[in-house]
Amino acid sequence: MQKVALEGEPLAASSSSYAARLGALWGYMVAWAETCADYYTAASLYDELSGLSDAELSRRGLSRDTLARDISQACDRTNG
């Protein structure tokens, strides 16, 4: 198959542009998959911890009022 450059665009530029777009798409897909994994982990942890008594949550340094937020923050990879 022969590569055809767009009008006014050298063939090498169109190839690098395609590679850049493909790389950006790959980066987006990886970030999306990591976010899905983070939310799945947070949901599983919430299911486990939400069944504990208030006293047990308190012993672990958690509050029922902020449990979902605390778990989401703990499972978020972007928080560093």
Protein backbone atom coordinates (compact mmCIF):
# COMPACT_ATOMS: atom_id res chain seq x y z
CA MET A 1 0.00 0.00 0.00
CA GLN A 2 1.40 3.38 -0.97
CA LYS A 3 1.36 6.28 1.49
CA VAL A 4 -0.04 9.52 0.18
CA ALA A 5 0.82 12.85 1.78
CA LEU A 6 -1.89 15.43 2.23
CA GLU A 7 -1.68 18.46 0.01
CA GLY A 8 1.14 20.70 1.20
CA GLU A 9 2.21 18.23 3.91
CA PRO A 10 5.33 16.12 3.49
CA LEU A 11 4.90 12.35 3.80
CA ALA A 12 7.14 12.20 6.89
CA ALA A 13 5.01 14.82 8.66
CA SER A 14 1.79 12.93 8.03
CA SER A 15 3.35 9.73 9.41
CA SER A 16 4.60 11.46 12.56
CA SER A 17 1.22 13.16 12.99
CA TYR A 18 -0.50 9.77 12.78
CA ALA A 19 1.95 8.31 15.29
CA ALA A 20 1.37 11.26 17.64
CA ARG A 21 -2.40 10.79 17.45
CA LEU A 22 -2.08 7.08 18.00
CA GLY A 23 0.19 7.71 21.00
CA ALA A 24 -2.30 10.22 22.44
CA LEU A 25 -5.15 7.75 21.98
CA TRP A 26 -3.12 5.04 23.70
CA GLY A 27 -2.37 7.38 26.62
CA TYR A 28 -6.07 8.22 26.93
CA MET A 29 -7.04 4.54 26.92
CA VAL A 30 -4.45 3.71 29.60
CA ALA A 31 -5.66 6.59 31.80
CA TRP A 32 -9.28 5.46 31.33
CA ALA A 33 -8.44 1.86 32.27
CA GLU A 34 -6.53 3.00 35.37
CA THR A 35 -9.46 5.19 36.42
CA CYS A 36 -11.86 2.27 35.99
CA ALA A 37 -9.57 0.09 38.12
CA ASP A 38 -9.39 2.80 40.80
CA TYR A 39 -13.19 3.11 40.97
CA TYR A 40 -13.62 -0.67 41.07
CA THR A 41 -11.12 -0.92 43.93
CA ALA A 42 -12.87 1.91 45.78
CA ALA A 43 -16.30 0.30 45.33
CA SER A 44 -15.05 -3.04 46.61
CA LEU A 45 -13.41 -1.42 49.61
CA TYR A 46 -16.54 0.61 50.35
CA ASP A 47 -18.70 -2.54 50.23
CA GLU A 48 -16.34 -4.17 52.72
CA LEU A 49 -16.01 -1.23 55.11
CA SER A 50 -19.61 0.01 55.02
CA GLY A 51 -20.72 -3.16 56.79
CA LEU A 52 -18.59 -2.36 59.85
CA SER A 53 -20.05 -0.76 62.95
CA ASP A 54 -19.45 2.91 63.69
CA ALA A 55 -17.19 1.89 66.58
CA GLU A 56 -15.05 -0.32 64.31
CA LEU A 57 -14.82 2.43 61.67
CA SER A 58 -13.78 4.89 64.37
CA ARG A 59 -11.12 2.46 65.59
CA ARG A 60 -9.70 2.45 62.05
CA GLY A 61 -9.75 6.25 61.92
CA LEU A 62 -12.76 6.44 59.60
CA SER A 63 -16.19 8.04 59.86
CA ARG A 64 -19.37 6.79 58.21
CA ASP A 65 -20.10 10.40 57.17
CA THR A 66 -16.94 10.67 55.07
CA LEU A 67 -16.32 7.00 54.26
CA ALA A 68 -17.04 7.21 50.51
CA ARG A 69 -14.92 10.35 50.04
CA ASP A 70 -12.03 8.96 52.10
CA ILE A 71 -12.00 5.71 50.14
CA SER A 72 -12.22 7.49 46.78
CA GLN A 73 -9.27 9.71 47.69
CA ALA A 74 -7.25 6.75 48.93
CA CYS A 75 -7.82 4.79 45.70
CA ASP A 76 -7.17 7.71 43.33
CA ARG A 77 -3.77 7.33 41.61
CA THR A 78 -3.70 10.99 40.63
CA ASN A 79 -3.43 12.12 44.25
CA GLY A 80 0.19 11.10 44.25
